[in-house]
N, C-alpha and C. Protein backbone atom coordinates (compact mmCIF):
# COMPACT_ATOMS: atom_id res chain seq x y z
N MET A 1 -1.99 42.33 -21.84
CA MET A 1 -2.17 41.64 -23.09
C MET A 1 -3.14 40.49 -22.86
N LYS A 2 -4.13 40.36 -23.73
CA LYS A 2 -5.14 39.31 -23.60
C LYS A 2 -5.07 38.40 -24.81
N ASN A 3 -5.33 37.13 -24.57
CA ASN A 3 -5.37 36.19 -25.68
C ASN A 3 -6.74 36.28 -26.36
N PRO A 4 -6.96 35.56 -27.46
CA PRO A 4 -8.22 35.70 -28.19
C PRO A 4 -9.47 35.39 -27.36
N GLU A 5 -9.35 34.57 -26.31
CA GLU A 5 -10.51 34.27 -25.48
C GLU A 5 -10.78 35.38 -24.46
N GLY A 6 -9.91 36.34 -24.35
CA GLY A 6 -10.09 37.45 -23.43
C GLY A 6 -9.43 37.26 -22.09
N HIS A 7 -8.65 36.18 -21.93
CA HIS A 7 -7.97 35.92 -20.66
C HIS A 7 -6.62 36.62 -20.65
N VAL A 8 -6.20 37.03 -19.48
CA VAL A 8 -4.91 37.69 -19.32
C VAL A 8 -3.82 36.64 -19.45
N THR A 9 -2.78 36.95 -20.20
CA THR A 9 -1.67 36.01 -20.37
C THR A 9 -0.67 36.16 -19.23
N SER A 10 0.25 35.21 -19.14
CA SER A 10 1.24 35.26 -18.06
C SER A 10 2.17 36.44 -18.21
N LEU A 11 2.39 36.93 -19.42
CA LEU A 11 3.24 38.10 -19.60
C LEU A 11 2.64 39.33 -18.95
N GLU A 12 1.33 39.42 -18.93
CA GLU A 12 0.65 40.55 -18.29
C GLU A 12 0.95 40.56 -16.80
N TYR A 13 1.01 39.38 -16.19
CA TYR A 13 1.33 39.31 -14.76
C TYR A 13 2.74 39.81 -14.49
N LEU A 14 3.65 39.51 -15.40
CA LEU A 14 5.03 39.93 -15.20
C LEU A 14 5.20 41.43 -15.36
N ARG A 15 4.36 42.08 -16.12
CA ARG A 15 4.48 43.52 -16.36
C ARG A 15 3.93 44.34 -15.20
N LYS A 16 3.07 43.76 -14.40
CA LYS A 16 2.47 44.49 -13.28
C LYS A 16 2.98 43.89 -11.98
N PRO A 17 3.80 44.60 -11.25
CA PRO A 17 4.38 44.06 -10.01
C PRO A 17 3.33 43.68 -8.98
N SER A 18 2.25 44.43 -8.91
CA SER A 18 1.23 44.10 -7.91
C SER A 18 0.61 42.74 -8.21
N LEU A 19 0.44 42.42 -9.47
CA LEU A 19 -0.09 41.12 -9.83
C LEU A 19 0.92 40.01 -9.55
N CYS A 20 2.20 40.30 -9.79
CA CYS A 20 3.25 39.31 -9.51
C CYS A 20 3.27 38.94 -8.04
N LEU A 21 3.15 39.96 -7.19
CA LEU A 21 3.20 39.71 -5.75
C LEU A 21 2.00 38.88 -5.28
N LEU A 22 0.92 38.95 -6.01
CA LEU A 22 -0.26 38.20 -5.63
C LEU A 22 -0.29 36.81 -6.26
N VAL A 23 0.05 36.74 -7.53
CA VAL A 23 -0.12 35.50 -8.28
C VAL A 23 0.96 34.47 -7.94
N PHE A 24 2.21 34.85 -7.90
CA PHE A 24 3.28 33.87 -7.71
C PHE A 24 3.23 33.17 -6.36
N PRO A 25 2.95 33.89 -5.25
CA PRO A 25 2.81 33.14 -3.99
C PRO A 25 1.62 32.17 -4.01
N LEU A 26 0.54 32.57 -4.68
CA LEU A 26 -0.61 31.67 -4.78
C LEU A 26 -0.26 30.43 -5.60
N LEU A 27 0.47 30.63 -6.68
CA LEU A 27 0.90 29.49 -7.49
C LEU A 27 1.82 28.57 -6.70
N ALA A 28 2.70 29.18 -5.90
CA ALA A 28 3.59 28.39 -5.06
C ALA A 28 2.80 27.58 -4.04
N LEU A 29 1.77 28.19 -3.44
CA LEU A 29 0.94 27.48 -2.47
C LEU A 29 0.18 26.33 -3.14
N VAL A 30 -0.36 26.58 -4.31
CA VAL A 30 -1.08 25.54 -5.03
C VAL A 30 -0.14 24.38 -5.35
N SER A 31 1.06 24.70 -5.81
CA SER A 31 2.04 23.65 -6.12
C SER A 31 2.41 22.87 -4.87
N PHE A 32 2.59 23.57 -3.76
CA PHE A 32 2.94 22.92 -2.50
C PHE A 32 1.84 21.95 -2.07
N PHE A 33 0.60 22.40 -2.11
CA PHE A 33 -0.50 21.52 -1.68
C PHE A 33 -0.70 20.36 -2.64
N ARG A 34 -0.47 20.57 -3.92
CA ARG A 34 -0.54 19.45 -4.86
C ARG A 34 0.52 18.42 -4.52
N LEU A 35 1.72 18.91 -4.21
CA LEU A 35 2.81 18.01 -3.84
C LEU A 35 2.46 17.24 -2.57
N GLN A 36 1.88 17.93 -1.58
CA GLN A 36 1.51 17.27 -0.34
C GLN A 36 0.44 16.21 -0.59
N LEU A 37 -0.55 16.53 -1.40
CA LEU A 37 -1.60 15.56 -1.71
C LEU A 37 -1.04 14.36 -2.46
N THR A 38 -0.09 14.62 -3.35
CA THR A 38 0.54 13.52 -4.09
C THR A 38 1.32 12.63 -3.13
N CYS A 39 2.04 13.22 -2.20
CA CYS A 39 2.81 12.44 -1.22
C CYS A 39 1.87 11.61 -0.35
N ILE A 40 0.76 12.19 0.07
CA ILE A 40 -0.20 11.45 0.89
C ILE A 40 -0.78 10.29 0.11
N ALA A 41 -1.11 10.52 -1.15
CA ALA A 41 -1.66 9.45 -1.98
C ALA A 41 -0.65 8.33 -2.16
N LEU A 42 0.61 8.68 -2.38
CA LEU A 42 1.66 7.66 -2.54
C LEU A 42 1.86 6.87 -1.25
N GLN A 43 1.80 7.56 -0.11
CA GLN A 43 1.94 6.88 1.16
C GLN A 43 0.79 5.90 1.38
N GLU A 44 -0.43 6.31 1.02
CA GLU A 44 -1.58 5.42 1.17
C GLU A 44 -1.46 4.21 0.26
N GLN A 45 -0.98 4.42 -0.96
CA GLN A 45 -0.79 3.29 -1.88
C GLN A 45 0.27 2.34 -1.34
N ASP A 46 1.36 2.90 -0.81
CA ASP A 46 2.43 2.07 -0.25
C ASP A 46 1.92 1.27 0.94
N GLU A 47 1.15 1.92 1.79
CA GLU A 47 0.59 1.24 2.96
C GLU A 47 -0.36 0.13 2.54
N ALA A 48 -1.17 0.37 1.52
CA ALA A 48 -2.10 -0.65 1.03
C ALA A 48 -1.32 -1.84 0.45
N ALA A 49 -0.24 -1.55 -0.27
CA ALA A 49 0.57 -2.63 -0.83
C ALA A 49 1.22 -3.46 0.28
N ARG A 50 1.71 -2.80 1.32
CA ARG A 50 2.30 -3.53 2.45
C ARG A 50 1.26 -4.39 3.16
N LYS A 51 0.04 -3.85 3.29
CA LYS A 51 -1.02 -4.60 3.95
C LYS A 51 -1.37 -5.85 3.14
N ARG A 52 -1.46 -5.71 1.81
CA ARG A 52 -1.75 -6.87 0.96
C ARG A 52 -0.63 -7.92 1.10
N GLU A 53 0.62 -7.45 1.15
CA GLU A 53 1.76 -8.38 1.27
C GLU A 53 1.70 -9.11 2.62
N ARG A 54 1.37 -8.37 3.69
CA ARG A 54 1.27 -9.00 5.01
C ARG A 54 0.15 -10.04 5.04
N GLU A 55 -0.99 -9.70 4.42
CA GLU A 55 -2.10 -10.65 4.37
C GLU A 55 -1.71 -11.90 3.59
N LYS A 56 -0.97 -11.72 2.51
CA LYS A 56 -0.51 -12.86 1.71
C LYS A 56 0.43 -13.74 2.54
N GLN A 57 1.35 -13.10 3.26
CA GLN A 57 2.28 -13.86 4.09
C GLN A 57 1.55 -14.56 5.23
N ASP A 58 0.54 -13.89 5.82
CA ASP A 58 -0.24 -14.52 6.88
C ASP A 58 -0.97 -15.75 6.36
N ALA A 59 -1.52 -15.64 5.16
CA ALA A 59 -2.23 -16.78 4.58
C ALA A 59 -1.27 -17.94 4.34
N MET A 60 -0.08 -17.64 3.83
CA MET A 60 0.92 -18.69 3.60
C MET A 60 1.34 -19.32 4.92
N HIS A 61 1.51 -18.51 5.95
CA HIS A 61 1.91 -19.01 7.26
C HIS A 61 0.84 -19.93 7.82
N LYS A 62 -0.43 -19.55 7.68
CA LYS A 62 -1.53 -20.39 8.16
C LYS A 62 -1.56 -21.73 7.42
N LEU A 63 -1.33 -21.68 6.12
CA LEU A 63 -1.33 -22.92 5.33
C LEU A 63 -0.19 -23.84 5.77
N LYS A 64 1.00 -23.27 5.95
CA LYS A 64 2.14 -24.08 6.40
C LYS A 64 1.87 -24.69 7.77
N THR A 65 1.31 -23.90 8.66
CA THR A 65 1.01 -24.39 10.01
C THR A 65 -0.01 -25.52 9.95
N THR A 66 -1.03 -25.34 9.12
CA THR A 66 -2.06 -26.38 8.98
C THR A 66 -1.47 -27.67 8.46
N ILE A 67 -0.59 -27.58 7.48
CA ILE A 67 0.04 -28.78 6.91
C ILE A 67 0.91 -29.47 7.95
N LEU A 68 1.70 -28.70 8.71
CA LEU A 68 2.56 -29.30 9.73
C LEU A 68 1.74 -29.97 10.84
N VAL A 69 0.67 -29.31 11.29
CA VAL A 69 -0.16 -29.90 12.34
C VAL A 69 -0.82 -31.17 11.83
N SER A 70 -1.30 -31.16 10.60
CA SER A 70 -1.92 -32.36 10.02
C SER A 70 -0.91 -33.50 9.94
N ALA A 71 0.31 -33.19 9.54
CA ALA A 71 1.35 -34.20 9.45
C ALA A 71 1.66 -34.80 10.83
N MET A 72 1.69 -33.94 11.84
CA MET A 72 1.95 -34.43 13.21
C MET A 72 0.82 -35.34 13.68
N ILE A 73 -0.41 -34.97 13.39
CA ILE A 73 -1.56 -35.79 13.80
C ILE A 73 -1.51 -37.14 13.11
N ILE A 74 -1.18 -37.15 11.82
CA ILE A 74 -1.08 -38.40 11.08
C ILE A 74 0.05 -39.27 11.63
N ALA A 75 1.18 -38.63 11.97
CA ALA A 75 2.32 -39.38 12.52
C ALA A 75 1.95 -40.00 13.86
N VAL A 76 1.27 -39.26 14.72
CA VAL A 76 0.87 -39.78 16.03
C VAL A 76 -0.14 -40.91 15.85
N ALA A 77 -1.10 -40.71 14.93
CA ALA A 77 -2.10 -41.76 14.68
C ALA A 77 -1.42 -43.03 14.15
N GLY A 78 -0.44 -42.86 13.27
CA GLY A 78 0.29 -44.02 12.75
C GLY A 78 1.05 -44.73 13.85
N ALA A 79 1.67 -43.98 14.76
CA ALA A 79 2.41 -44.58 15.87
C ALA A 79 1.46 -45.34 16.79
N VAL A 80 0.31 -44.76 17.08
CA VAL A 80 -0.68 -45.43 17.94
C VAL A 80 -1.16 -46.71 17.27
N PHE A 81 -1.41 -46.65 15.98
CA PHE A 81 -1.86 -47.84 15.24
C PHE A 81 -0.78 -48.93 15.29
N ALA A 82 0.48 -48.54 15.11
CA ALA A 82 1.57 -49.53 15.13
C ALA A 82 1.70 -50.16 16.52
N VAL A 83 1.59 -49.34 17.54
CA VAL A 83 1.70 -49.88 18.93
C VAL A 83 0.55 -50.82 19.22
N THR A 84 -0.66 -50.45 18.85
CA THR A 84 -1.80 -51.34 19.12
C THR A 84 -1.68 -52.64 18.31
N LYS A 85 -1.13 -52.59 17.14
CA LYS A 85 -0.95 -53.79 16.34
C LYS A 85 0.06 -54.74 17.00
N LYS A 86 1.15 -54.13 17.53
CA LYS A 86 2.17 -54.95 18.22
C LYS A 86 1.58 -55.57 19.48
N LEU A 87 0.75 -54.80 20.20
CA LEU A 87 0.15 -55.32 21.43
C LEU A 87 -0.82 -56.46 21.13
N ARG A 88 -1.52 -56.39 20.01
CA ARG A 88 -2.45 -57.45 19.63
C ARG A 88 -1.72 -58.74 19.26
N GLU A 89 -0.53 -58.59 18.66
CA GLU A 89 0.23 -59.76 18.27
C GLU A 89 0.72 -60.56 19.47
N ARG A 90 0.92 -59.93 20.57
CA ARG A 90 1.44 -60.61 21.75
C ARG A 90 0.38 -61.38 22.38
C-alpha cells in the first residue's frame, strides 16, 4: 500500500515478513545510536557545567585568599608602625 506521494506505508512492511526482518532491526539500531548520541551529548553538557562551577569556585577561592593575604599585610604593617612609634617616644 502506498500513500499519495508514492511512499510505502508502515502497514506494507508488516504484510511482508522479509521487509519486517530487514526494517525493524535497522530501526532498532537507529534508535540505539540516537540514544547513545543523546547520552554522550548530555554527559558533555554535564561536564561543561561542572567545569564552569569549578572555575567559579576557583575564582571565589582566589578572591578570598587575596583578601586574607592583604589583611595580614595590613595588620603586620600596622604592628610595625605601632612598634616604631613606641620606640620613637622613648
